């Protein structure tokens, strides 16, 4: 298998966060090592130099298990928007919709 490009890996990582957000609309999402690795990887790929702002990554992590659904969704969405900006990617609403449809029972 050929090596994966950094851009593709960033895309996969963002997809993992989109999936967790879609699930979190209905229920808290358990903080897993996989999500921790995903956030750490994206934080290491920010375009703000060697000292990226940590708040969106920390905020996303904390919001995953927030007990109130509306607050959880709003916090995760705001953090994810900031993460996209930090890694220099544009959030695609069609892709967001795909994850939301897949998360519905």
C-alpha atoms as a PDB file:
ATOM      1  CA  UNK A   1       0.000   0.000   0.000  1.00  0.00           C
ATOM      2  CA  UNK A   2       1.433   3.412  -0.915  1.00  0.00           C
ATOM      3  CA  UNK A   3       1.944   5.938   1.884  1.00  0.00           C
ATOM      4  CA  UNK A   4      -0.992   8.226   2.587  1.00  0.00           C
ATOM      5  CA  UNK A   5      -0.553  11.935   2.002  1.00  0.00           C
ATOM      6  CA  UNK A   6      -0.728  14.332   4.921  1.00  0.00           C
ATOM      7  CA  UNK A   7      -3.780  15.983   3.373  1.00  0.00           C
ATOM      8  CA  UNK A   8      -5.622  12.652   3.225  1.00  0.00           C
ATOM      9  CA  UNK A   9      -4.711  11.873   6.845  1.00  0.00           C
ATOM     10  CA  UNK A  10      -5.985  15.302   7.928  1.00  0.00           C
ATOM     11  CA  UNK A  11      -9.188  14.630   6.004  1.00  0.00           C
ATOM     12  CA  UNK A  12      -9.626  11.253   7.736  1.00  0.00           C
ATOM     13  CA  UNK A  13      -9.041  12.876  11.131  1.00  0.00           C
ATOM     14  CA  UNK A  14     -11.601  15.594  10.438  1.00  0.00           C
ATOM     15  CA  UNK A  15     -14.075  12.910   9.342  1.00  0.00           C
ATOM     16  CA  UNK A  16     -13.606  11.163  12.692  1.00  0.00           C
ATOM     17  CA  UNK A  17     -14.467  14.405  14.499  1.00  0.00           C
ATOM     18  CA  UNK A  18     -17.481  14.985  12.219  1.00  0.00           C
ATOM     19  CA  UNK A  19     -18.698  11.475  13.006  1.00  0.00           C
ATOM     20  CA  UNK A  20     -18.359  12.016  16.761  1.00  0.00           C
ATOM     21  CA  UNK A  21     -20.214  15.339  16.477  1.00  0.00           C
ATOM     22  CA  UNK A  22     -23.068  13.712  14.543  1.00  0.00           C
ATOM     23  CA  UNK A  23     -23.413  11.026  17.221  1.00  0.00           C
ATOM     24  CA  UNK A  24     -23.175  13.637  19.981  1.00  0.00           C
ATOM     25  CA  UNK A  25     -26.305  15.383  18.750  1.00  0.00           C
ATOM     26  CA  UNK A  26     -28.320  12.574  20.375  1.00  0.00           C
ATOM     27  CA  UNK A  27     -26.099  11.414  23.223  1.00  0.00           C
ATOM     28  CA  UNK A  28     -22.811  12.135  24.963  1.00  0.00           C
ATOM     29  CA  UNK A  29     -19.821  10.528  23.253  1.00  0.00           C
ATOM     30  CA  UNK A  30     -17.298   8.639  25.325  1.00  0.00           C
ATOM     31  CA  UNK A  31     -13.812  10.154  25.193  1.00  0.00           C
ATOM     32  CA  UNK A  32     -11.683   7.457  23.584  1.00  0.00           C
ATOM     33  CA  UNK A  33      -7.973   7.092  22.926  1.00  0.00           C
ATOM     34  CA  UNK A  34      -8.815   7.172  19.206  1.00  0.00           C
ATOM     35  CA  UNK A  35     -10.421  10.606  19.517  1.00  0.00           C
ATOM     36  CA  UNK A  36      -7.553  11.792  21.702  1.00  0.00           C
ATOM     37  CA  UNK A  37      -5.058  10.689  19.029  1.00  0.00           C
ATOM     38  CA  UNK A  38      -7.151  12.353  16.324  1.00  0.00           C
ATOM     39  CA  UNK A  39      -7.186  15.665  18.172  1.00  0.00           C
ATOM     40  CA  UNK A  40      -3.461  15.468  18.947  1.00  0.00           C
ATOM     41  CA  UNK A  41      -2.660  14.717  15.307  1.00  0.00           C
ATOM     42  CA  UNK A  42      -4.718  17.673  14.085  1.00  0.00           C
ATOM     43  CA  UNK A  43      -3.196  19.957  16.716  1.00  0.00           C
ATOM     44  CA  UNK A  44       0.228  18.998  15.381  1.00  0.00           C
ATOM     45  CA  UNK A  45      -0.849  20.029  11.876  1.00  0.00           C
ATOM     46  CA  UNK A  46      -2.038  23.551  12.602  1.00  0.00           C
ATOM     47  CA  UNK A  47      -0.913  26.425  10.460  1.00  0.00           C
ATOM     48  CA  UNK A  48      -0.253  28.783  13.348  1.00  0.00           C
ATOM     49  CA  UNK A  49       3.380  27.906  13.762  1.00  0.00           C
ATOM     50  CA  UNK A  50       4.997  25.798  16.428  1.00  0.00           C
ATOM     51  CA  UNK A  51       2.634  26.945  19.207  1.00  0.00           C
ATOM     52  CA  UNK A  52      -0.948  26.349  18.053  1.00  0.00           C
ATOM     53  CA  UNK A  53      -3.911  27.580  20.018  1.00  0.00           C
ATOM     54  CA  UNK A  54      -5.086  24.645  22.101  1.00  0.00           C
ATOM     55  CA  UNK A  55      -8.539  25.871  22.977  1.00  0.00           C
ATOM     56  CA  UNK A  56     -10.487  24.319  20.077  1.00  0.00           C
ATOM     57  CA  UNK A  57      -8.927  20.905  20.650  1.00  0.00           C
ATOM     58  CA  UNK A  58      -9.384  21.050  24.422  1.00  0.00           C
ATOM     59  CA  UNK A  59     -12.901  22.445  24.050  1.00  0.00           C
ATOM     60  CA  UNK A  60     -13.906  19.679  21.630  1.00  0.00           C
ATOM     61  CA  UNK A  61     -12.537  17.049  24.021  1.00  0.00           C
ATOM     62  CA  UNK A  62     -14.412  18.477  27.002  1.00  0.00           C
ATOM     63  CA  UNK A  63     -17.694  18.970  25.126  1.00  0.00           C
ATOM     64  CA  UNK A  64     -17.966  15.336  23.990  1.00  0.00           C
ATOM     65  CA  UNK A  65     -19.538  14.232  27.273  1.00  0.00           C
ATOM     66  CA  UNK A  66     -21.502  17.396  28.103  1.00  0.00           C
ATOM     67  CA  UNK A  67     -24.843  16.317  29.597  1.00  0.00           C
ATOM     68  CA  UNK A  68     -27.084  18.889  27.840  1.00  0.00           C
ATOM     69  CA  UNK A  69     -27.621  18.035  24.124  1.00  0.00           C
ATOM     70  CA  UNK A  70     -27.970  21.598  22.813  1.00  0.00           C
ATOM     71  CA  UNK A  71     -24.923  22.831  24.704  1.00  0.00           C
ATOM     72  CA  UNK A  72     -22.931  19.763  23.668  1.00  0.00           C
ATOM     73  CA  UNK A  73     -23.774  20.207  19.965  1.00  0.00           C
ATOM     74  CA  UNK A  74     -23.133  23.949  19.980  1.00  0.00           C
ATOM     75  CA  UNK A  75     -19.804  23.590  21.790  1.00  0.00           C
ATOM     76  CA  UNK A  76     -18.601  20.764  19.546  1.00  0.00           C
ATOM     77  CA  UNK A  77     -19.667  22.637  16.420  1.00  0.00           C
ATOM     78  CA  UNK A  78     -17.847  25.822  17.459  1.00  0.00           C
ATOM     79  CA  UNK A  79     -14.709  23.898  18.379  1.00  0.00           C
ATOM     80  CA  UNK A  80     -14.774  21.917  15.144  1.00  0.00           C
ATOM     81  CA  UNK A  81     -15.151  25.085  13.066  1.00  0.00           C
ATOM     82  CA  UNK A  82     -12.054  26.466  14.807  1.00  0.00           C
ATOM     83  CA  UNK A  83     -10.170  23.189  14.234  1.00  0.00           C
ATOM     84  CA  UNK A  84     -10.919  23.335  10.496  1.00  0.00           C
ATOM     85  CA  UNK A  85      -9.612  26.896  10.442  1.00  0.00           C
ATOM     86  CA  UNK A  86      -6.506  25.913  12.418  1.00  0.00           C
ATOM     87  CA  UNK A  87      -5.563  23.153   9.980  1.00  0.00           C
ATOM     88  CA  UNK A  88      -6.365  25.269   6.916  1.00  0.00           C
ATOM     89  CA  UNK A  89      -9.315  23.248   5.659  1.00  0.00           C
ATOM     90  CA  UNK A  90     -12.806  24.317   4.676  1.00  0.00           C
ATOM     91  CA  UNK A  91     -15.774  22.596   6.274  1.00  0.00           C
ATOM     92  CA  UNK A  92     -18.064  21.064   3.657  1.00  0.00           C
ATOM     93  CA  UNK A  93     -21.768  21.125   4.549  1.00  0.00           C
ATOM     94  CA  UNK A  94     -22.539  18.187   2.244  1.00  0.00           C
ATOM     95  CA  UNK A  95     -20.000  16.095   4.142  1.00  0.00           C
ATOM     96  CA  UNK A  96     -21.463  17.221   7.470  1.00  0.00           C
ATOM     97  CA  UNK A  97     -24.916  16.137   6.245  1.00  0.00           C
ATOM     98  CA  UNK A  98     -23.587  12.725   5.265  1.00  0.00           C
ATOM     99  CA  UNK A  99     -22.332  12.074   8.802  1.00  0.00           C
ATOM    100  CA  UNK A 100     -25.573  13.379  10.307  1.00  0.00           C
ATOM    101  CA  UNK A 101     -27.631  11.023   8.110  1.00  0.00           C
ATOM    102  CA  UNK A 102     -25.444   8.049   9.023  1.00  0.00           C
ATOM    103  CA  UNK A 103     -25.765   8.806  12.750  1.00  0.00           C
ATOM    104  CA  UNK A 104     -29.553   8.739  12.699  1.00  0.00           C
ATOM    105  CA  UNK A 105     -31.194   5.444  13.676  1.00  0.00           C
END
